[in-house]
Amino acid sequence: MAVEMPRMIKSKFPKDFGDGFYCTKLEMQAIRWASRYDTAVISIYEYTPDENLKTLVKYPTHQICFCNKKALKTLKFIEFSKLNEYDRQRR
């Protein structure tokens, strides 16, 4: 589903950076993540970095984990897109 108001979620399974709200700037990575669900949706945000927040750069993937309310305030929901079968096959 579209996520217009992101929030931190406690996961059943450990994630790379712990609990939080995860995003990526890599379209194919977002498609892979969304394709795990029956109704695959990608939410698109504008991100404004905040130099006061701690960051960790992890290559070759691109993940941003928003771990607190201050971090979530750097996101502004723009739109969402439902993936079609073509998108899913591109992954």
PDB file of N, CA and C in Angstrom:
ATOM      1  N   MET A   1       0.836  -1.178   0.000  1.00  0.00           N
ATOM      2  CA  MET A   1       0.000   0.000   0.000  1.00  0.00           C
ATOM      3  C   MET A   1       0.882   1.243   0.000  1.00  0.00           C
ATOM      4  N   ALA A   2       0.327   2.319  -0.427  1.00  0.00           N
ATOM      5  CA  ALA A   2       1.066   3.587  -0.393  1.00  0.00           C
ATOM      6  C   ALA A   2       1.287   3.995   1.056  1.00  0.00           C
ATOM      7  N   VAL A   3       2.453   4.562   1.333  1.00  0.00           N
ATOM      8  CA  VAL A   3       2.782   5.002   2.690  1.00  0.00           C
ATOM      9  C   VAL A   3       2.960   6.525   2.655  1.00  0.00           C
ATOM     10  N   GLU A   4       1.849   7.215   2.891  1.00  0.00           N
ATOM     11  CA  GLU A   4       1.891   8.678   2.863  1.00  0.00           C
ATOM     12  C   GLU A   4       2.495   9.257   4.129  1.00  0.00           C
ATOM     13  N   MET A   5       2.313   8.560   5.249  1.00  0.00           N
ATOM     14  CA  MET A   5       2.856   9.022   6.528  1.00  0.00           C
ATOM     15  C   MET A   5       3.753   7.916   7.085  1.00  0.00           C
ATOM     16  N   PRO A   6       5.033   7.922   6.714  1.00  0.00           N
ATOM     17  CA  PRO A   6       5.936   6.861   7.180  1.00  0.00           C
ATOM     18  C   PRO A   6       6.066   6.852   8.698  1.00  0.00           C
ATOM     19  N   ARG A   7       6.294   5.663   9.216  1.00  0.00           N
ATOM     20  CA  ARG A   7       6.547   5.513  10.650  1.00  0.00           C
ATOM     21  C   ARG A   7       7.532   4.381  10.843  1.00  0.00           C
ATOM     22  N   MET A   8       8.167   4.406  11.977  1.00  0.00           N
ATOM     23  CA  MET A   8       9.134   3.368  12.305  1.00  0.00           C
ATOM     24  C   MET A   8       8.376   2.106  12.694  1.00  0.00           C
ATOM     25  N   ILE A   9       8.844   0.974  12.194  1.00  0.00           N
ATOM     26  CA  ILE A   9       8.171  -0.298  12.457  1.00  0.00           C
ATOM     27  C   ILE A   9       9.154  -1.267  13.096  1.00  0.00           C
ATOM     28  N   LYS A  10       8.693  -1.937  14.111  1.00  0.00           N
ATOM     29  CA  LYS A  10       9.488  -2.971  14.753  1.00  0.00           C
ATOM     30  C   LYS A  10       9.352  -4.229  13.910  1.00  0.00           C
ATOM     31  N   SER A  11      10.459  -4.775  13.484  1.00  0.00           N
ATOM     32  CA  SER A  11      10.464  -5.922  12.587  1.00  0.00           C
ATOM     33  C   SER A  11      10.556  -7.238  13.345  1.00  0.00           C
ATOM     34  N   LYS A  12       9.937  -8.278  12.778  1.00  0.00           N
ATOM     35  CA  LYS A  12      10.068  -9.621  13.349  1.00  0.00           C
ATOM     36  C   LYS A  12      11.471 -10.172  13.097  1.00  0.00           C
ATOM     37  N   PHE A  13      12.070  -9.730  11.982  1.00  0.00           N
ATOM     38  CA  PHE A  13      13.381 -10.218  11.577  1.00  0.00           C
ATOM     39  C   PHE A  13      14.373  -9.064  11.598  1.00  0.00           C
ATOM     40  N   PRO A  14      15.600  -9.313  12.047  1.00  0.00           N
ATOM     41  CA  PRO A  14      16.600  -8.234  12.102  1.00  0.00           C
ATOM     42  C   PRO A  14      16.884  -7.658  10.714  1.00  0.00           C
ATOM     43  N   LYS A  15      16.981  -6.364  10.640  1.00  0.00           N
ATOM     44  CA  LYS A  15      17.325  -5.665   9.404  1.00  0.00           C
ATOM     45  C   LYS A  15      18.750  -5.143   9.532  1.00  0.00           C
ATOM     46  N   ASP A  16      19.310  -4.661   8.415  1.00  0.00           N
ATOM     47  CA  ASP A  16      20.697  -4.190   8.400  1.00  0.00           C
ATOM     48  C   ASP A  16      20.977  -3.120   9.445  1.00  0.00           C
ATOM     49  N   PHE A  17      20.061  -2.183   9.612  1.00  0.00           N
ATOM     50  CA  PHE A  17      20.279  -1.071  10.538  1.00  0.00           C
ATOM     51  C   PHE A  17      19.287  -1.073  11.695  1.00  0.00           C
ATOM     52  N   GLY A  18      18.654  -2.192  11.944  1.00  0.00           N
ATOM     53  CA  GLY A  18      17.703  -2.280  13.042  1.00  0.00           C
ATOM     54  C   GLY A  18      16.304  -1.836  12.624  1.00  0.00           C
ATOM     55  N   ASP A  19      15.479  -1.572  13.626  1.00  0.00           N
ATOM     56  CA  ASP A  19      14.102  -1.167  13.364  1.00  0.00           C
ATOM     57  C   ASP A  19      14.064   0.236  12.785  1.00  0.00           C
ATOM     58  N   GLY A  20      13.094   0.491  11.914  1.00  0.00           N
ATOM     59  CA  GLY A  20      12.947   1.807  11.321  1.00  0.00           C
ATOM     60  C   GLY A  20      12.142   1.751  10.045  1.00  0.00           C
ATOM     61  N   PHE A  21      12.152   2.837   9.297  1.00  0.00           N
ATOM     62  CA  PHE A  21      11.476   2.947   8.013  1.00  0.00           C
ATOM     63  C   PHE A  21      12.557   2.995   6.941  1.00  0.00           C
ATOM     64  N   TYR A  22      12.564   2.023   6.033  1.00  0.00           N
ATOM     65  CA  TYR A  22      13.629   1.884   5.041  1.00  0.00           C
ATOM     66  C   TYR A  22      13.216   2.419   3.679  1.00  0.00           C
ATOM     67  N   CYS A  23      14.142   3.113   3.035  1.00  0.00           N
ATOM     68  CA  CYS A  23      13.957   3.630   1.675  1.00  0.00           C
ATOM     69  C   CYS A  23      15.235   3.393   0.879  1.00  0.00           C
ATOM     70  N   THR A  24      15.135   3.568  -0.428  1.00  0.00           N
ATOM     71  CA  THR A  24      16.294   3.512  -1.314  1.00  0.00           C
ATOM     72  C   THR A  24      16.095   4.494  -2.449  1.00  0.00           C
ATOM     73  N   LYS A  25      17.189   4.970  -3.028  1.00  0.00           N
ATOM     74  CA  LYS A  25      17.081   5.824  -4.208  1.00  0.00           C
ATOM     75  C   LYS A  25      17.231   4.999  -5.490  1.00  0.00           C
ATOM     76  N   LEU A  26      17.518   3.706  -5.356  1.00  0.00           N
ATOM     77  CA  LEU A  26      17.714   2.829  -6.512  1.00  0.00           C
ATOM     78  C   LEU A  26      16.375   2.214  -6.929  1.00  0.00           C
ATOM     79  N   GLU A  27      15.904   2.567  -8.119  1.00  0.00           N
ATOM     80  CA  GLU A  27      14.592   2.111  -8.580  1.00  0.00           C
ATOM     81  C   GLU A  27      14.481   0.585  -8.594  1.00  0.00           C
ATOM     82  N   MET A  28      15.489  -0.112  -9.123  1.00  0.00           N
ATOM     83  CA  MET A  28      15.406  -1.569  -9.215  1.00  0.00           C
ATOM     84  C   MET A  28      15.370  -2.210  -7.822  1.00  0.00           C
ATOM     85  N   GLN A  29      16.065  -1.635  -6.878  1.00  0.00           N
ATOM     86  CA  GLN A  29      16.036  -2.148  -5.514  1.00  0.00           C
ATOM     87  C   GLN A  29      14.640  -1.948  -4.909  1.00  0.00           C
ATOM     88  N   ALA A  30      14.039  -0.802  -5.154  1.00  0.00           N
ATOM     89  CA  ALA A  30      12.681  -0.540  -4.665  1.00  0.00           C
ATOM     90  C   ALA A  30      11.688  -1.517  -5.291  1.00  0.00           C
ATOM     91  N   ILE A  31      11.845  -1.802  -6.568  1.00  0.00           N
ATOM     92  CA  ILE A  31      10.970  -2.759  -7.249  1.00  0.00           C
ATOM     93  C   ILE A  31      11.129  -4.143  -6.632  1.00  0.00           C
ATOM     94  N   ARG A  32      12.367  -4.546  -6.358  1.00  0.00           N
ATOM     95  CA  ARG A  32      12.602  -5.856  -5.717  1.00  0.00           C
ATOM     96  C   ARG A  32      11.919  -5.928  -4.357  1.00  0.00           C
ATOM     97  N   TRP A  33      12.080  -4.874  -3.559  1.00  0.00           N
ATOM     98  CA  TRP A  33      11.461  -4.860  -2.232  1.00  0.00           C
ATOM     99  C   TRP A  33       9.948  -4.941  -2.346  1.00  0.00           C
ATOM    100  N   ALA A  34       9.361  -4.140  -3.234  1.00  0.00           N
ATOM    101  CA  ALA A  34       7.901  -4.082  -3.357  1.00  0.00           C
ATOM    102  C   ALA A  34       7.328  -5.363  -3.955  1.00  0.00           C
ATOM    103  N   SER A  35       8.082  -6.047  -4.789  1.00  0.00           N
ATOM    104  CA  SER A  35       7.590  -7.243  -5.485  1.00  0.00           C
ATOM    105  C   SER A  35       7.376  -8.432  -4.563  1.00  0.00           C
ATOM    106  N   ARG A  36       7.798  -8.316  -3.314  1.00  0.00           N
ATOM    107  CA  ARG A  36       7.573  -9.404  -2.354  1.00  0.00           C
ATOM    108  C   ARG A  36       6.109  -9.489  -1.917  1.00  0.00           C
ATOM    109  N   TYR A  37       5.329  -8.492  -2.257  1.00  0.00           N
ATOM    110  CA  TYR A  37       3.937  -8.414  -1.801  1.00  0.00           C
ATOM    111  C   TYR A  37       2.978  -8.618  -2.968  1.00  0.00           C
ATOM    112  N   ASP A  38       1.769  -9.101  -2.673  1.00  0.00           N
ATOM    113  CA  ASP A  38       0.771  -9.345  -3.713  1.00  0.00           C
ATOM    114  C   ASP A  38       0.435  -8.075  -4.492  1.00  0.00           C
ATOM    115  N   THR A  39       0.199  -6.989  -3.785  1.00  0.00           N
ATOM    116  CA  THR A  39      -0.042  -5.694  -4.426  1.00  0.00           C
ATOM    117  C   THR A  39       1.213  -4.865  -4.218  1.00  0.00           C
ATOM    118  N   ALA A  40       2.028  -4.788  -5.266  1.00  0.00           N
ATOM    119  CA  ALA A  40       3.322  -4.105  -5.172  1.00  0.00           C
ATOM    120  C   ALA A  40       3.156  -2.612  -5.446  1.00  0.00           C
ATOM    121  N   VAL A  41       3.529  -1.810  -4.459  1.00  0.00           N
ATOM    122  CA  VAL A  41       3.405  -0.356  -4.549  1.00  0.00           C
ATOM    123  C   VAL A  41       4.722   0.271  -4.114  1.00  0.00           C
ATOM    124  N   ILE A  42       5.142   1.288  -4.850  1.00  0.00           N
ATOM    125  CA  ILE A  42       6.328   2.062  -4.465  1.00  0.00           C
ATOM    126  C   ILE A  42       5.860   3.459  -4.088  1.00  0.00           C
ATOM    127  N   SER A  43       6.221   3.880  -2.900  1.00  0.00           N
ATOM    128  CA  SER A  43       5.929   5.246  -2.455  1.00  0.00           C
ATOM    129  C   SER A  43       7.148   6.109  -2.773  1.00  0.00           C
ATOM    130  N   ILE A  44       6.897   7.302  -3.270  1.00  0.00           N
ATOM    131  CA  ILE A  44       7.982   8.196  -3.700  1.00  0.00           C
ATOM    132  C   ILE A  44       7.984   9.428  -2.795  1.00  0.00           C
ATOM    133  N   TYR A  45       9.178   9.764  -2.325  1.00  0.00           N
ATOM    134  CA  TYR A  45       9.340  10.865  -1.376  1.00  0.00           C
ATOM    135  C   TYR A  45      10.399  11.844  -1.873  1.00  0.00           C
ATOM    136  N   GLU A  46      10.300  13.058  -1.380  1.00  0.00           N
ATOM    137  CA  GLU A  46      11.388  14.021  -1.495  1.00  0.00           C
ATOM    138  C   GLU A  46      12.143  13.921  -0.177  1.00  0.00           C
ATOM    139  N   TYR A  47      13.453  13.806  -0.273  1.00  0.00           N
ATOM    140  CA  TYR A  47      14.295  13.653   0.916  1.00  0.00           C
ATOM    141  C   TYR A  47      15.180  14.880   1.067  1.00  0.00           C
ATOM    142  N   THR A  48      15.139  15.497   2.232  1.00  0.00           N
ATOM    143  CA  THR A  48      15.990  16.640   2.537  1.00  0.00           C
ATOM    144  C   THR A  48      16.942  16.226   3.645  1.00  0.00           C
ATOM    145  N   PRO A  49      18.228  16.002   3.314  1.00  0.00           N
ATOM    146  CA  PRO A  49      19.185  15.571   4.341  1.00  0.00           C
ATOM    147  C   PRO A  49      19.290  16.573   5.493  1.00  0.00           C
ATOM    148  N   ASP A  50      19.528  16.049   6.671  1.00  0.00           N
ATOM    149  CA  ASP A  50      19.723  16.854   7.872  1.00  0.00           C
ATOM    150  C   ASP A  50      21.108  16.509   8.419  1.00  0.00           C
ATOM    151  N   GLU A  51      22.012  17.464   8.357  1.00  0.00           N
ATOM    152  CA  GLU A  51      23.400  17.220   8.772  1.00  0.00           C
ATOM    153  C   GLU A  51      23.531  16.899  10.258  1.00  0.00           C
ATOM    154  N   ASN A  52      22.512  17.140  11.039  1.00  0.00           N
ATOM    155  CA  ASN A  52      22.551  16.849  12.469  1.00  0.00           C
ATOM    156  C   ASN A  52      22.258  15.392  12.787  1.00  0.00           C
ATOM    157  N   LEU A  53      21.839  14.629  11.773  1.00  0.00           N
ATOM    158  CA  LEU A  53      21.530  13.210  11.971  1.00  0.00           C
ATOM    159  C   LEU A  53      22.737  12.357  11.608  1.00  0.00           C
ATOM    160  N   LYS A  54      22.928  11.258  12.312  1.00  0.00           N
ATOM    161  CA  LYS A  54      24.018  10.335  12.008  1.00  0.00           C
ATOM    162  C   LYS A  54      23.677   9.547  10.755  1.00  0.00           C
ATOM    163  N   THR A  55      24.685   9.337   9.913  1.00  0.00           N
ATOM    164  CA  THR A  55      24.479   8.545   8.702  1.00  0.00           C
ATOM    165  C   THR A  55      25.573   7.497   8.587  1.00  0.00           C
ATOM    166  N   LEU A  56      25.239   6.430   7.892  1.00  0.00           N
ATOM    167  CA  LEU A  56      26.189   5.365   7.615  1.00  0.00           C
ATOM    168  C   LEU A  56      26.004   4.984   6.158  1.00  0.00           C
ATOM    169  N   VAL A  57      27.062   5.070   5.363  1.00  0.00           N
ATOM    170  CA  VAL A  57      26.990   4.751   3.942  1.00  0.00           C
ATOM    171  C   VAL A  57      27.330   3.277   3.760  1.00  0.00           C
ATOM    172  N   LYS A  58      26.457   2.527   3.067  1.00  0.00           N
ATOM    173  CA  LYS A  58      26.644   1.078   2.855  1.00  0.00           C
ATOM    174  C   LYS A  58      26.589   0.771   1.365  1.00  0.00           C
ATOM    175  N   TYR A  59      27.696   0.302   0.818  1.00  0.00           N
ATOM    176  CA  TYR A  59      27.792  -0.021  -0.597  1.00  0.00           C
ATOM    177  C   TYR A  59      27.850  -1.532  -0.731  1.00  0.00           C
ATOM    178  N   PRO A  60      27.294  -2.135  -1.764  1.00  0.00           N
ATOM    179  CA  PRO A  60      26.799  -1.600  -3.040  1.00  0.00           C
ATOM    180  C   PRO A  60      25.303  -1.308  -3.035  1.00  0.00           C
ATOM    181  N   THR A  61      24.615  -1.599  -1.933  1.00  0.00           N
ATOM    182  CA  THR A  61      23.192  -1.273  -1.899  1.00  0.00           C
ATOM    183  C   THR A  61      23.027   0.161  -1.434  1.00  0.00           C
ATOM    184  N   HIS A  62      21.823   0.653  -1.543  1.00  0.00           N
ATOM    185  CA  HIS A  62      21.542   1.985  -1.041  1.00  0.00           C
ATOM    186  C   HIS A  62      20.315   1.867  -0.157  1.00  0.00           C
ATOM    187  N   GLN A  63      20.506   2.058   1.122  1.00  0.00           N
ATOM    188  CA  GLN A  63      19.404   2.007   2.074  1.00  0.00           C
ATOM    189  C   GLN A  63      19.468   3.231   2.958  1.00  0.00           C
ATOM    190  N   ILE A  64      18.307   3.789   3.203  1.00  0.00           N
ATOM    191  CA  ILE A  64      18.215   4.831   4.217  1.00  0.00           C
ATOM    192  C   ILE A  64      17.235   4.298   5.247  1.00  0.00           C
ATOM    193  N   CYS A  65      17.692   4.196   6.479  1.00  0.00           N
ATOM    194  CA  CYS A  65      16.836   3.739   7.564  1.00  0.00           C
ATOM    195  C   CYS A  65      16.540   4.937   8.452  1.00  0.00           C
ATOM    196  N   PHE A  66      15.288   5.288   8.527  1.00  0.00           N
ATOM    197  CA  PHE A  66      14.859   6.399   9.359  1.00  0.00           C
ATOM    198  C   PHE A  66      14.481   5.808  10.712  1.00  0.00           C
ATOM    199  N   CYS A  67      15.305   6.085  11.726  1.00  0.00           N
ATOM    200  CA  CYS A  67      15.193   5.399  13.021  1.00  0.00           C
ATOM    201  C   CYS A  67      14.541   6.219  14.121  1.00  0.00           C
ATOM    202  N   ASN A  68      14.171   7.465  13.829  1.00  0.00           N
ATOM    203  CA  ASN A  68      13.503   8.278  14.844  1.00  0.00           C
ATOM    204  C   ASN A  68      12.604   9.319  14.172  1.00  0.00           C
ATOM    205  N   LYS A  69      11.800  10.001  14.967  1.00  0.00           N
ATOM    206  CA  LYS A  69      10.840  10.968  14.421  1.00  0.00           C
ATOM    207  C   LYS A  69      11.536  12.118  13.712  1.00  0.00           C
ATOM    208  N   LYS A  70      12.676  12.550  14.227  1.00  0.00           N
ATOM    209  CA  LYS A  70      13.410  13.648  13.592  1.00  0.00           C
ATOM    210  C   LYS A  70      13.866  13.237  12.190  1.00  0.00           C
ATOM    211  N   ALA A  71      14.310  12.010  12.064  1.00  0.00           N
ATOM    212  CA  ALA A  71      14.734  11.517  10.753  1.00  0.00           C
ATOM    213  C   ALA A  71      13.553  11.433   9.788  1.00  0.00           C
ATOM    214  N   LEU A  72      12.409  10.980  10.271  1.00  0.00           N
ATOM    215  CA  LEU A  72      11.225  10.878   9.408  1.00  0.00           C
ATOM    216  C   LEU A  72      10.771  12.229   8.879  1.00  0.00           C
ATOM    217  N   LYS A  73      11.072  13.294   9.618  1.00  0.00           N
ATOM    218  CA  LYS A  73      10.681  14.637   9.173  1.00  0.00           C
ATOM    219  C   LYS A  73      11.456  15.091   7.943  1.00  0.00           C
ATOM    220  N   THR A  74      12.501  14.361   7.553  1.00  0.00           N
ATOM    221  CA  THR A  74      13.261  14.717   6.349  1.00  0.00           C
ATOM    222  C   THR A  74      12.583  14.201   5.079  1.00  0.00           C
ATOM    223  N   LEU A  75      11.475  13.455   5.236  1.00  0.00           N
ATOM    224  CA  LEU A  75      10.742  12.904   4.090  1.00  0.00           C
ATOM    225  C   LEU A  75       9.466  13.682   3.831  1.00  0.00           C
ATOM    226  N   LYS A  76       9.179  13.896   2.549  1.00  0.00           N
ATOM    227  CA  LYS A  76       7.908  14.491   2.146  1.00  0.00           C
ATOM    228  C   LYS A  76       7.312  13.577   1.080  1.00  0.00           C
ATOM    229  N   PHE A  77       6.123  13.031   1.341  1.00  0.00           N
ATOM    230  CA  PHE A  77       5.460  12.138   0.388  1.00  0.00           C
ATOM    231  C   PHE A  77       5.106  12.908  -0.876  1.00  0.00           C
ATOM    232  N   ILE A  78       5.448  12.317  -2.035  1.00  0.00           N
ATOM    233  CA  ILE A  78       5.152  12.940  -3.326  1.00  0.00           C
ATOM    234  C   ILE A  78       4.009  12.202  -4.025  1.00  0.00           C
ATOM    235  N   GLU A  79       4.181  10.894  -4.209  1.00  0.00           N
ATOM    236  CA  GLU A  79       3.178  10.087  -4.903  1.00  0.00           C
ATOM    237  C   GLU A  79       3.489   8.610  -4.705  1.00  0.00           C
ATOM    238  N   PHE A  80       2.616   7.759  -5.227  1.00  0.00           N
ATOM    239  CA  PHE A  80       2.894   6.339  -5.200  1.00  0.00           C
ATOM    240  C   PHE A  80       2.632   5.761  -6.583  1.00  0.00           C
ATOM    241  N   SER A  81       3.190   4.598  -6.820  1.00  0.00           N
ATOM    242  CA  SER A  81       3.047   3.935  -8.102  1.00  0.00           C
ATOM    243  C   SER A  81       2.828   2.448  -7.875  1.00  0.00           C
ATOM    244  N   LYS A  82       1.754   1.900  -8.472  1.00  0.00           N
ATOM    245  CA  LYS A  82       1.535   0.454  -8.413  1.00  0.00           C
ATOM    246  C   LYS A  82       2.363  -0.196  -9.506  1.00  0.00           C
ATOM    247  N   LEU A  83       3.055  -1.267  -9.154  1.00  0.00           N
ATOM    248  CA  LEU A  83       3.872  -1.963 -10.136  1.00  0.00           C
ATOM    249  C   LEU A  83       2.995  -2.892 -10.969  1.00  0.00           C
ATOM    250  N   ASN A  84       3.249  -2.911 -12.267  1.00  0.00           N
ATOM    251  CA  ASN A  84       2.548  -3.851 -13.122  1.00  0.00           C
ATOM    252  C   ASN A  84       3.441  -5.079 -13.348  1.00  0.00           C
ATOM    253  N   GLU A  85       2.971  -6.021 -14.096  1.00  0.00           N
ATOM    254  CA  GLU A  85       3.720  -7.267 -14.321  1.00  0.00           C
ATOM    255  C   GLU A  85       5.055  -6.998 -15.013  1.00  0.00           C
ATOM    256  N   TYR A  86       5.093  -6.031 -15.931  1.00  0.00           N
ATOM    257  CA  TYR A  86       6.351  -5.679 -16.611  1.00  0.00           C
ATOM    258  C   TYR A  86       7.400  -5.215 -15.600  1.00  0.00           C
ATOM    259  N   ASP A  87       6.987  -4.346 -14.681  1.00  0.00           N
ATOM    260  CA  ASP A  87       7.915  -3.860 -13.655  1.00  0.00           C
ATOM    261  C   ASP A  87       8.468  -5.018 -12.829  1.00  0.00           C
ATOM    262  N   ARG A  88       7.587  -5.924 -12.437  1.00  0.00           N
ATOM    263  CA  ARG A  88       7.995  -7.062 -11.610  1.00  0.00           C
ATOM    264  C   ARG A  88       9.003  -7.947 -12.353  1.00  0.00           C
ATOM    265  N   GLN A  89       8.825  -8.112 -13.649  1.00  0.00           N
ATOM    266  CA  GLN A  89       9.736  -8.965 -14.422  1.00  0.00           C
ATOM    267  C   GLN A  89      11.093  -8.291 -14.632  1.00  0.00           C
ATOM    268  N   ARG A  90      11.161  -6.962 -14.562  1.00  0.00           N
ATOM    269  CA  ARG A  90      12.421  -6.232 -14.720  1.00  0.00           C
ATOM    270  C   ARG A  90      13.361  -6.432 -13.549  1.00  0.00           C
ATOM    271  N   ARG A  91      12.824  -6.836 -12.424  1.00  0.00           N
ATOM    272  CA  ARG A  91      13.652  -6.923 -11.226  1.00  0.00           C
ATOM    273  C   ARG A  91      14.684  -7.978 -11.406  1.00  0.00           C
TER     274      ARG A  91
END
